[in-house]
């Protein structure tokens, strides 16, 4: 199995735009953020528009940071985003603990 580099492929402008999208989503819909044994769990309100934006952001993150494991699941009326990665990505995963 090929090891993935622990680096985001976005340039500074793309990273700023992506960060702004995450912040806007967090401002609008984030309920809480918790540390887990594997990484970070974010809880969001579960509306259709929120789910669409969250899933799109997760798909984009999977492209630029393929070393991250990002999973979205429904939990009653909420959406949960689980983020984890290899030990070398701990700082990047921790960034999901402070989304705004």
N, C-alpha and C. Protein backbone atom coordinates (compact mmCIF):
# COMPACT_ATOMS: atom_id res chain seq x y z
N UNK A 1 0.84 -1.18 0.00
CA UNK A 1 0.00 0.00 0.00
C UNK A 1 0.88 1.24 0.00
N UNK A 2 0.54 2.20 -0.85
CA UNK A 2 1.30 3.43 -0.99
C UNK A 2 0.95 4.40 0.13
N UNK A 3 1.95 4.99 0.76
CA UNK A 3 1.72 5.98 1.81
C UNK A 3 1.36 7.31 1.17
N UNK A 4 0.35 7.96 1.72
CA UNK A 4 -0.07 9.26 1.22
C UNK A 4 0.72 10.36 1.93
N UNK A 5 1.13 11.39 1.19
CA UNK A 5 1.83 12.49 1.86
C UNK A 5 0.88 13.24 2.79
N UNK A 6 1.41 13.70 3.91
CA UNK A 6 0.62 14.45 4.88
C UNK A 6 0.76 15.93 4.52
N UNK A 7 0.05 16.33 3.48
CA UNK A 7 0.08 17.72 3.03
C UNK A 7 -1.17 18.01 2.23
N UNK A 8 -1.71 19.19 2.43
CA UNK A 8 -2.88 19.64 1.68
C UNK A 8 -2.41 20.14 0.32
N UNK A 9 -3.17 19.82 -0.73
CA UNK A 9 -2.76 20.21 -2.08
C UNK A 9 -3.33 21.57 -2.50
N UNK A 10 -4.04 22.27 -1.62
CA UNK A 10 -4.60 23.57 -1.98
C UNK A 10 -3.52 24.66 -1.91
N UNK A 11 -3.65 25.64 -2.80
CA UNK A 11 -2.76 26.80 -2.69
C UNK A 11 -3.37 27.76 -1.66
N UNK A 12 -2.69 28.85 -1.37
CA UNK A 12 -3.13 29.77 -0.31
C UNK A 12 -4.51 30.34 -0.58
N UNK A 13 -4.80 30.71 -1.80
CA UNK A 13 -6.10 31.27 -2.16
C UNK A 13 -7.21 30.24 -2.00
N UNK A 14 -6.97 29.04 -2.47
CA UNK A 14 -7.96 27.97 -2.35
C UNK A 14 -8.19 27.61 -0.88
N UNK A 15 -7.12 27.58 -0.10
CA UNK A 15 -7.23 27.27 1.31
C UNK A 15 -8.06 28.34 2.03
N UNK A 16 -7.84 29.61 1.71
CA UNK A 16 -8.61 30.69 2.33
C UNK A 16 -10.10 30.56 1.99
N UNK A 17 -10.40 30.24 0.74
CA UNK A 17 -11.79 30.06 0.32
C UNK A 17 -12.43 28.87 1.04
N UNK A 18 -11.71 27.77 1.11
CA UNK A 18 -12.23 26.58 1.77
C UNK A 18 -12.46 26.85 3.26
N UNK A 19 -11.51 27.51 3.89
CA UNK A 19 -11.63 27.84 5.30
C UNK A 19 -12.86 28.70 5.54
N UNK A 20 -13.11 29.66 4.67
CA UNK A 20 -14.27 30.53 4.80
C UNK A 20 -15.56 29.71 4.70
N UNK A 21 -15.61 28.74 3.82
CA UNK A 21 -16.80 27.89 3.71
C UNK A 21 -17.02 27.09 4.99
N UNK A 22 -15.96 26.53 5.55
CA UNK A 22 -16.09 25.79 6.81
C UNK A 22 -16.57 26.72 7.93
N UNK A 23 -16.01 27.93 7.99
CA UNK A 23 -16.41 28.87 9.03
C UNK A 23 -17.87 29.27 8.88
N UNK A 24 -18.32 29.51 7.64
CA UNK A 24 -19.72 29.88 7.40
C UNK A 24 -20.65 28.75 7.83
N UNK A 25 -20.30 27.51 7.50
CA UNK A 25 -21.12 26.37 7.90
C UNK A 25 -21.15 26.26 9.43
N UNK A 26 -20.01 26.40 10.06
CA UNK A 26 -19.94 26.31 11.52
C UNK A 26 -20.78 27.41 12.18
N UNK A 27 -20.68 28.61 11.68
CA UNK A 27 -21.44 29.73 12.23
C UNK A 27 -22.94 29.47 12.14
N UNK A 28 -23.35 28.87 11.06
CA UNK A 28 -24.77 28.66 10.78
C UNK A 28 -25.34 27.40 11.43
N UNK A 29 -24.52 26.34 11.56
CA UNK A 29 -25.12 25.05 11.90
C UNK A 29 -24.38 24.21 12.94
N UNK A 30 -23.18 24.57 13.32
CA UNK A 30 -22.41 23.73 14.24
C UNK A 30 -23.02 23.76 15.64
N UNK A 31 -23.22 22.58 16.21
CA UNK A 31 -23.75 22.44 17.56
C UNK A 31 -22.61 22.31 18.56
N UNK A 32 -21.68 21.40 18.28
CA UNK A 32 -20.57 21.18 19.20
C UNK A 32 -19.44 20.45 18.50
N UNK A 33 -18.29 20.46 19.17
CA UNK A 33 -17.11 19.74 18.70
C UNK A 33 -16.54 18.99 19.90
N UNK A 34 -16.23 17.72 19.69
CA UNK A 34 -15.68 16.88 20.76
C UNK A 34 -14.45 16.14 20.26
N UNK A 35 -13.49 15.99 21.15
CA UNK A 35 -12.35 15.12 20.87
C UNK A 35 -12.82 13.68 21.02
N UNK A 36 -12.35 12.79 20.17
CA UNK A 36 -12.63 11.37 20.29
C UNK A 36 -11.30 10.64 20.41
N UNK A 37 -11.36 9.35 20.67
CA UNK A 37 -10.12 8.57 20.73
C UNK A 37 -9.38 8.61 19.40
N UNK A 38 -10.13 8.68 18.30
CA UNK A 38 -9.52 8.64 16.98
C UNK A 38 -9.24 10.02 16.40
N UNK A 39 -9.91 11.07 16.91
CA UNK A 39 -9.74 12.39 16.33
C UNK A 39 -10.75 13.40 16.86
N UNK A 40 -11.66 13.85 15.96
CA UNK A 40 -12.60 14.91 16.29
C UNK A 40 -13.98 14.54 15.76
N UNK A 41 -15.02 14.90 16.53
CA UNK A 41 -16.40 14.75 16.06
C UNK A 41 -17.05 16.13 16.10
N UNK A 42 -17.60 16.55 14.98
CA UNK A 42 -18.38 17.78 14.91
C UNK A 42 -19.85 17.39 14.78
N UNK A 43 -20.72 18.08 15.52
CA UNK A 43 -22.16 17.85 15.44
C UNK A 43 -22.82 19.07 14.82
N UNK A 44 -23.64 18.82 13.78
CA UNK A 44 -24.34 19.89 13.06
C UNK A 44 -25.84 19.67 13.11
N UNK A 45 -26.59 20.77 13.00
CA UNK A 45 -28.02 20.65 12.80
C UNK A 45 -28.23 19.93 11.47
N UNK A 46 -29.34 19.21 11.32
CA UNK A 46 -29.48 18.29 10.20
C UNK A 46 -30.34 18.70 9.04
N UNK A 47 -30.46 19.97 8.72
CA UNK A 47 -31.27 20.38 7.57
C UNK A 47 -30.67 19.93 6.24
N UNK A 48 -31.52 19.91 5.21
CA UNK A 48 -31.09 19.45 3.89
C UNK A 48 -29.96 20.30 3.31
N UNK A 49 -30.07 21.62 3.41
CA UNK A 49 -29.03 22.50 2.87
C UNK A 49 -27.72 22.34 3.64
N UNK A 50 -27.84 22.17 4.94
CA UNK A 50 -26.65 21.96 5.78
C UNK A 50 -25.97 20.64 5.40
N UNK A 51 -26.78 19.61 5.23
CA UNK A 51 -26.21 18.31 4.85
C UNK A 51 -25.53 18.38 3.48
N UNK A 52 -26.15 19.07 2.53
CA UNK A 52 -25.56 19.19 1.20
C UNK A 52 -24.20 19.90 1.27
N UNK A 53 -24.13 21.00 2.01
CA UNK A 53 -22.87 21.74 2.13
C UNK A 53 -21.82 20.91 2.86
N UNK A 54 -22.21 20.26 3.94
CA UNK A 54 -21.27 19.43 4.70
C UNK A 54 -20.71 18.31 3.82
N UNK A 55 -21.58 17.63 3.10
CA UNK A 55 -21.12 16.52 2.26
C UNK A 55 -20.23 17.02 1.11
N UNK A 56 -20.55 18.19 0.57
CA UNK A 56 -19.70 18.75 -0.49
C UNK A 56 -18.32 19.12 0.07
N UNK A 57 -18.29 19.76 1.24
CA UNK A 57 -17.00 20.10 1.84
C UNK A 57 -16.18 18.86 2.16
N UNK A 58 -16.83 17.82 2.65
CA UNK A 58 -16.12 16.57 2.95
C UNK A 58 -15.55 15.96 1.68
N UNK A 59 -16.31 15.98 0.59
CA UNK A 59 -15.81 15.46 -0.69
C UNK A 59 -14.61 16.27 -1.17
N UNK A 60 -14.67 17.58 -1.01
CA UNK A 60 -13.55 18.42 -1.42
C UNK A 60 -12.32 18.17 -0.56
N UNK A 61 -12.53 18.00 0.75
CA UNK A 61 -11.40 17.70 1.64
C UNK A 61 -10.77 16.36 1.30
N UNK A 62 -11.58 15.39 0.91
CA UNK A 62 -11.05 14.07 0.55
C UNK A 62 -10.13 14.17 -0.67
N UNK A 63 -10.39 15.14 -1.54
CA UNK A 63 -9.54 15.34 -2.72
C UNK A 63 -8.21 15.99 -2.36
N UNK A 64 -8.25 17.03 -1.55
CA UNK A 64 -7.01 17.78 -1.28
C UNK A 64 -6.21 17.21 -0.11
N UNK A 65 -6.87 16.45 0.75
CA UNK A 65 -6.21 15.85 1.93
C UNK A 65 -6.60 14.38 2.03
N UNK A 66 -6.17 13.55 1.07
CA UNK A 66 -6.62 12.16 1.04
C UNK A 66 -6.14 11.32 2.22
N UNK A 67 -5.23 11.84 3.01
CA UNK A 67 -4.74 11.12 4.19
C UNK A 67 -5.72 11.20 5.36
N UNK A 68 -6.73 12.10 5.27
CA UNK A 68 -7.73 12.22 6.32
C UNK A 68 -8.86 11.22 6.10
N UNK A 69 -9.42 10.74 7.18
CA UNK A 69 -10.63 9.93 7.13
C UNK A 69 -11.77 10.83 7.60
N UNK A 70 -12.71 11.12 6.70
CA UNK A 70 -13.83 12.00 7.00
C UNK A 70 -15.12 11.22 6.75
N UNK A 71 -15.95 11.12 7.78
CA UNK A 71 -17.19 10.36 7.67
C UNK A 71 -18.34 11.20 8.18
N UNK A 72 -19.39 11.31 7.35
CA UNK A 72 -20.61 12.01 7.75
C UNK A 72 -21.69 10.95 7.97
N UNK A 73 -22.39 11.09 9.10
CA UNK A 73 -23.52 10.19 9.34
C UNK A 73 -24.62 10.96 10.02
N UNK A 74 -25.85 10.49 9.80
CA UNK A 74 -27.03 11.06 10.46
C UNK A 74 -27.17 10.42 11.83
N UNK A 75 -27.55 11.23 12.80
CA UNK A 75 -27.84 10.76 14.15
C UNK A 75 -29.08 11.53 14.61
N UNK A 76 -30.22 10.89 14.46
CA UNK A 76 -31.51 11.54 14.75
C UNK A 76 -31.64 12.79 13.87
N UNK A 77 -31.79 13.95 14.48
CA UNK A 77 -31.98 15.18 13.70
C UNK A 77 -30.66 15.92 13.47
N UNK A 78 -29.55 15.26 13.76
CA UNK A 78 -28.24 15.88 13.61
C UNK A 78 -27.41 15.18 12.55
N UNK A 79 -26.34 15.86 12.16
CA UNK A 79 -25.30 15.27 11.31
C UNK A 79 -24.02 15.25 12.12
N UNK A 80 -23.29 14.15 12.05
CA UNK A 80 -22.01 14.04 12.76
C UNK A 80 -20.91 13.87 11.72
N UNK A 81 -19.88 14.67 11.85
CA UNK A 81 -18.68 14.54 11.03
C UNK A 81 -17.57 14.01 11.92
N UNK A 82 -17.04 12.85 11.56
CA UNK A 82 -15.91 12.25 12.27
C UNK A 82 -14.66 12.49 11.41
N UNK A 83 -13.62 13.04 12.03
CA UNK A 83 -12.37 13.32 11.33
C UNK A 83 -11.23 12.64 12.07
N UNK A 84 -10.44 11.88 11.33
CA UNK A 84 -9.26 11.24 11.92
C UNK A 84 -8.19 11.14 10.84
N UNK A 85 -7.02 10.72 11.25
CA UNK A 85 -5.92 10.56 10.31
C UNK A 85 -4.76 9.89 11.00
N UNK A 86 -3.68 9.72 10.27
CA UNK A 86 -2.50 9.10 10.88
C UNK A 86 -1.89 10.04 11.92
N UNK A 87 -1.06 9.50 12.81
CA UNK A 87 -0.45 10.34 13.85
C UNK A 87 0.26 11.58 13.31
N UNK A 88 0.85 11.47 12.14
CA UNK A 88 1.56 12.61 11.55
C UNK A 88 0.62 13.75 11.16
N UNK A 89 -0.68 13.47 11.09
CA UNK A 89 -1.67 14.47 10.71
C UNK A 89 -2.41 15.03 11.92
N UNK A 90 -1.92 14.78 13.11
CA UNK A 90 -2.62 15.18 14.34
C UNK A 90 -2.92 16.67 14.37
N UNK A 91 -2.01 17.50 13.92
CA UNK A 91 -2.23 18.95 13.92
C UNK A 91 -3.36 19.34 12.96
N UNK A 92 -3.42 18.69 11.82
CA UNK A 92 -4.48 18.98 10.85
C UNK A 92 -5.83 18.51 11.39
N UNK A 93 -5.86 17.32 11.95
CA UNK A 93 -7.11 16.81 12.55
C UNK A 93 -7.55 17.74 13.67
N UNK A 94 -6.61 18.19 14.50
CA UNK A 94 -6.94 19.10 15.60
C UNK A 94 -7.56 20.40 15.10
N UNK A 95 -7.20 20.80 13.89
CA UNK A 95 -7.78 22.01 13.30
C UNK A 95 -9.29 21.90 13.15
N UNK A 96 -9.81 20.69 13.04
CA UNK A 96 -11.25 20.50 12.95
C UNK A 96 -11.92 20.66 14.31
N UNK A 97 -11.14 20.73 15.35
CA UNK A 97 -11.69 20.95 16.70
C UNK A 97 -11.95 22.43 16.94
N UNK A 98 -11.41 23.28 16.12
CA UNK A 98 -11.62 24.74 16.25
C UNK A 98 -12.04 25.30 14.90
N UNK A 99 -13.26 24.97 14.44
CA UNK A 99 -13.68 25.34 13.08
C UNK A 99 -14.01 26.81 12.88
N UNK A 100 -14.18 27.58 13.94
CA UNK A 100 -14.53 28.98 13.74
C UNK A 100 -13.60 29.90 14.50
